[in-house]
Protein backbone atom coordinates (compact mmCIF):
# COMPACT_ATOMS: atom_id res chain seq x y z
CA MET A 1 71.73 101.02 132.66
CA PRO A 2 71.54 97.64 134.44
CA ASP A 3 68.18 96.37 135.72
CA THR A 4 68.16 96.75 139.51
CA SER A 5 64.58 95.64 140.13
CA PRO A 6 64.27 92.81 142.59
CA THR A 7 63.76 89.42 140.96
CA THR A 8 61.06 87.17 142.22
CA PRO A 9 61.99 83.54 142.57
CA GLY A 10 60.25 81.07 140.26
CA PRO A 11 57.48 78.82 141.55
CA GLU A 12 58.51 76.00 143.85
CA PRO A 13 58.68 72.65 141.99
CA PHE A 14 55.67 70.41 142.52
CA ARG A 15 56.50 67.34 144.61
CA VAL A 16 54.46 64.18 144.95
CA SER A 17 54.87 61.78 147.84
CA ASP A 18 55.76 58.14 147.08
CA GLY A 19 52.36 56.94 148.31
CA ASP A 20 50.60 59.32 145.94
CA LEU A 21 52.81 58.15 143.05
CA ASP A 22 51.33 54.65 143.34
CA ASP A 23 47.83 56.13 143.18
CA LEU A 24 48.80 58.23 140.16
CA ALA A 25 50.36 55.22 138.44
CA SER A 26 47.20 53.19 139.03
CA THR A 27 45.01 56.02 137.77
CA LEU A 28 47.23 56.45 134.71
CA ALA A 29 47.08 52.71 133.94
CA LYS A 30 43.28 52.78 134.24
CA THR A 31 43.07 55.85 132.02
CA MET A 32 45.36 54.25 129.43
CA ALA A 33 43.18 51.12 129.40
CA GLU A 34 40.08 53.27 128.92
CA VAL A 35 41.74 55.23 126.10
CA ARG A 36 42.66 51.95 124.38
CA GLN A 37 39.09 50.73 124.79
CA HIS A 38 37.80 53.96 123.29
CA GLY A 39 40.14 53.34 120.35
CA VAL A 40 38.70 49.83 119.95
CA LEU A 41 35.18 51.25 120.01
CA LEU A 42 36.10 53.91 117.46
CA ASP A 43 37.66 51.24 115.22
CA ARG A 44 34.45 49.21 115.53
CA LEU A 45 32.31 52.22 114.69
CA GLY A 46 34.54 53.08 111.75
CA SER A 47 34.27 49.55 110.33
CA GLU A 48 30.50 49.27 110.74
CA PRO A 49 28.25 50.27 107.84
CA GLU A 50 26.68 53.71 107.89
CA SER A 51 23.75 53.76 110.28
CA ALA A 52 20.51 54.66 108.66
CA ALA A 53 19.84 58.09 110.12
CA GLY A 54 16.66 58.41 108.10
CA GLN A 55 15.40 54.98 109.16
CA PRO A 56 11.72 54.93 110.08
CA ALA A 57 11.12 54.76 113.83
CA ASP A 58 8.63 51.91 113.48
CA GLU A 59 11.17 49.47 111.99
CA ALA A 60 11.65 46.42 114.23
CA PRO A 61 14.95 45.93 116.13
CA GLU A 62 15.05 42.31 114.92
CA ALA A 63 15.16 43.48 111.32
CA GLU A 64 17.96 45.91 112.20
CA ALA A 65 19.98 43.12 113.84
CA ALA A 66 19.45 40.90 110.78
CA ASP A 67 20.61 43.74 108.52
CA ASP A 68 23.78 44.15 110.65
CA ARG A 69 24.56 40.44 110.34
CA GLN A 70 23.98 40.50 106.57
CA ALA A 71 26.13 43.62 106.16
CA GLY A 72 29.03 41.88 107.91
CA GLY A 73 28.79 43.96 111.07
CA PRO A 74 29.36 42.40 114.48
CA ALA A 75 26.39 40.46 115.78
CA SER A 76 27.72 40.65 119.34
CA VAL A 77 30.25 42.53 121.45
CA PHE A 78 31.25 39.25 123.14
CA ILE A 79 34.81 38.30 122.24
CA LEU A 80 34.04 34.69 121.28
CA ALA A 81 31.62 35.97 118.64
CA LEU A 82 34.40 37.96 116.97
CA GLY A 83 36.86 36.61 114.48
CA GLY A 84 40.12 37.52 112.80
CA GLU A 85 41.42 41.01 113.38
CA ALA A 86 38.40 42.07 115.43
CA TYR A 87 39.19 39.28 117.91
CA ALA A 88 42.89 40.25 118.01
CA VAL A 89 42.08 43.93 118.64
CA GLU A 90 39.59 43.06 121.38
CA LEU A 91 42.02 40.59 123.01
CA ALA A 92 44.78 43.24 123.02
CA ALA A 93 42.48 45.73 124.76
CA LEU A 94 41.35 43.04 127.23
CA SER A 95 44.99 42.13 127.93
CA ASP A 96 45.77 45.75 128.79
CA TRP A 97 42.92 45.77 131.30
CA VAL A 98 43.85 42.38 132.78
CA ASN A 99 47.57 43.20 133.08
CA HIS A 100 47.34 46.81 134.24
CA LEU A 101 44.23 46.87 136.39
CA PHE A 102 42.77 43.45 137.13
CA LEU A 103 45.90 41.49 138.12
CA PRO A 104 47.61 44.23 140.15
CA VAL A 105 44.46 44.71 142.23
CA TYR A 106 42.77 41.29 142.27
CA GLY A 107 45.56 38.84 141.34
CA ARG A 108 46.23 37.43 144.81
CA GLU A 109 48.74 34.71 145.58
CA ILE A 110 48.91 31.63 143.37
CA SER A 111 48.37 28.28 145.08
CA THR A 112 46.86 24.85 144.41
CA SER A 113 43.55 26.10 145.76
CA ARG A 114 43.79 29.31 143.64
CA PRO A 115 45.63 28.51 140.39
CA TRP A 116 46.41 31.08 137.71
CA CYS A 117 48.02 30.90 134.29
CA ALA A 118 50.21 33.67 132.91
CA GLN A 119 49.09 32.48 129.47
CA TRP A 120 45.41 32.96 130.33
CA HIS A 121 44.72 34.23 126.81
CA GLU A 122 45.23 30.66 125.49
CA HIS A 123 42.37 29.33 127.65
CA PRO A 124 39.08 30.03 125.81
CA GLU A 125 37.00 29.83 129.00
CA ALA A 126 39.29 32.31 130.74
CA VAL A 127 39.15 34.69 127.79
CA ALA A 128 35.35 34.45 127.72
CA ARG A 129 34.95 35.01 131.47
CA LEU A 130 37.52 37.82 131.70
CA HIS A 131 36.02 39.57 128.69
CA ALA A 132 32.54 39.39 130.19
CA LEU A 133 33.97 40.72 133.46
CA TRP A 134 35.67 43.58 131.59
CA LEU A 135 32.47 44.49 129.73
CA ALA A 136 30.61 44.61 133.05
CA TRP A 137 33.43 46.69 134.57
CA GLN A 138 33.05 49.23 131.78
CA GLN A 139 29.32 49.43 132.42
CA PHE A 140 29.39 49.55 136.22
CA THR A 141 32.31 51.98 136.61
CA ASP A 142 30.68 54.50 134.30
CA THR A 143 29.13 57.51 136.03
CA GLU A 144 25.73 56.52 134.65
CA ALA A 145 25.86 53.36 136.81
CA GLY A 146 25.52 55.54 139.88
CA LEU A 147 27.39 55.40 143.16
CA SER A 148 26.61 51.74 143.78
CA GLY A 149 27.88 50.64 140.35
CA PRO A 150 31.34 49.50 141.52
CA SER A 151 29.84 47.62 144.46
CA THR A 152 27.41 45.86 142.13
CA TRP A 153 30.30 44.96 139.82
CA HIS A 154 32.25 43.42 142.71
CA ARG A 155 29.30 41.48 144.07
CA ASP A 156 27.60 40.31 140.89
CA HIS A 157 30.52 39.95 138.50
CA LEU A 158 34.01 39.92 140.02
CA ASP A 159 33.35 37.51 142.88
CA GLN A 160 31.64 34.96 140.63
CA THR A 161 34.30 35.19 137.93
CA LEU A 162 37.17 34.74 140.39
CA ALA A 163 35.40 31.79 142.02
CA HIS A 164 35.14 30.02 138.66
CA LEU A 165 38.49 31.02 137.12
CA ARG A 166 40.62 30.29 140.16
CA ALA A 167 38.79 27.19 141.37
CA PRO A 168 40.95 24.07 141.82
CA ASP A 169 38.97 22.43 138.99
CA GLY A 170 38.67 25.60 136.84
CA PRO A 171 40.33 26.36 133.50
CA PHE A 172 43.74 26.77 135.15
CA ALA A 173 43.61 23.47 137.07
CA ALA A 174 46.53 22.02 135.09
CA CYS A 175 48.52 25.26 135.14
CA THR A 176 50.60 27.22 137.62
CA THR A 177 50.20 26.42 141.27
CA SER A 178 53.59 27.81 142.25
CA VAL A 179 55.34 30.95 141.06
CA SER A 180 58.69 29.14 141.25
CA ARG A 181 57.44 26.33 138.96
CA PRO A 182 55.42 27.90 136.15
CA ASN A 183 53.30 25.49 134.13
CA HIS A 184 50.80 25.91 131.32
CA ARG A 185 48.45 23.33 129.86
CA VAL A 186 45.05 23.77 128.27
CA LEU A 187 42.76 21.00 129.44
CA ALA A 188 40.95 19.02 126.76
CA THR A 189 37.23 19.53 126.43
CA PRO A 190 34.76 16.81 125.51
CA ALA A 191 34.31 16.33 121.77
CA PRO A 192 30.82 17.02 120.47
CA GLU A 193 28.73 13.92 119.92
CA GLN A 194 28.45 12.98 116.25
CA THR A 195 24.94 12.10 115.14
CA VAL A 196 24.49 9.87 112.14
CA VAL A 197 21.47 10.50 109.98
CA THR A 198 20.18 7.43 108.18
CA ALA A 199 17.94 7.67 105.18
C-alpha cells in the first residue's frame, strides 16, 4: 500500500547577505589567526621543560627565570629574543595576523608620507614593532581586558606603532611609496663602535 501521508517540505536553506559575508570572512580570519597562535603557544609549552609542580612557594621568581634560561627554555616571548625554528614559527603566526587582520583593517593607502613594504618581514624594526603590537592585541582583545581593552590597544599601541612604522623616515622610508612601482630596500643601520682595550 503506497504512503499517502502528506510530506512536509524540508527546511528553507539558510541565506547570508553579501554584507554579512564580509563580516563572517573577517571573523573567520581572526579566528584562524587565534587558532594558529594557540598552536604556537601549545608548541612552546610542549617544548618547555616540565614545570615543577611540587616547587616550594617561597622560591624566588629570579631563580625560576635563571633555571628556564639554563634549561634552554625561552627567556622572552619577544620575537627578537627567539632563534631558529622558534623564530620561524612565531614569524609565521605574526604574518597570518598581519596579512589577515592588521593590513585589511589598518593598511591604508601607500604614499610618500605613509610608506609600506610588502616585504616587511625583512625589516627587523618592523618585525619587532609588529610583534609587540600583536602581543598587545592578544592581551587587550581578551575578555579579561574588559570592555575598554580594544580602545586601550588602539590608543596606547596601534596609533604609536603606525606613527613609527609608516613615518616618512621610518623603517620603510626606502621602500614602496607607490603601489604601481613596488620597491624594497632595508636601510643600513650604524655599526657598533669598536672599543680597543689596551693592556
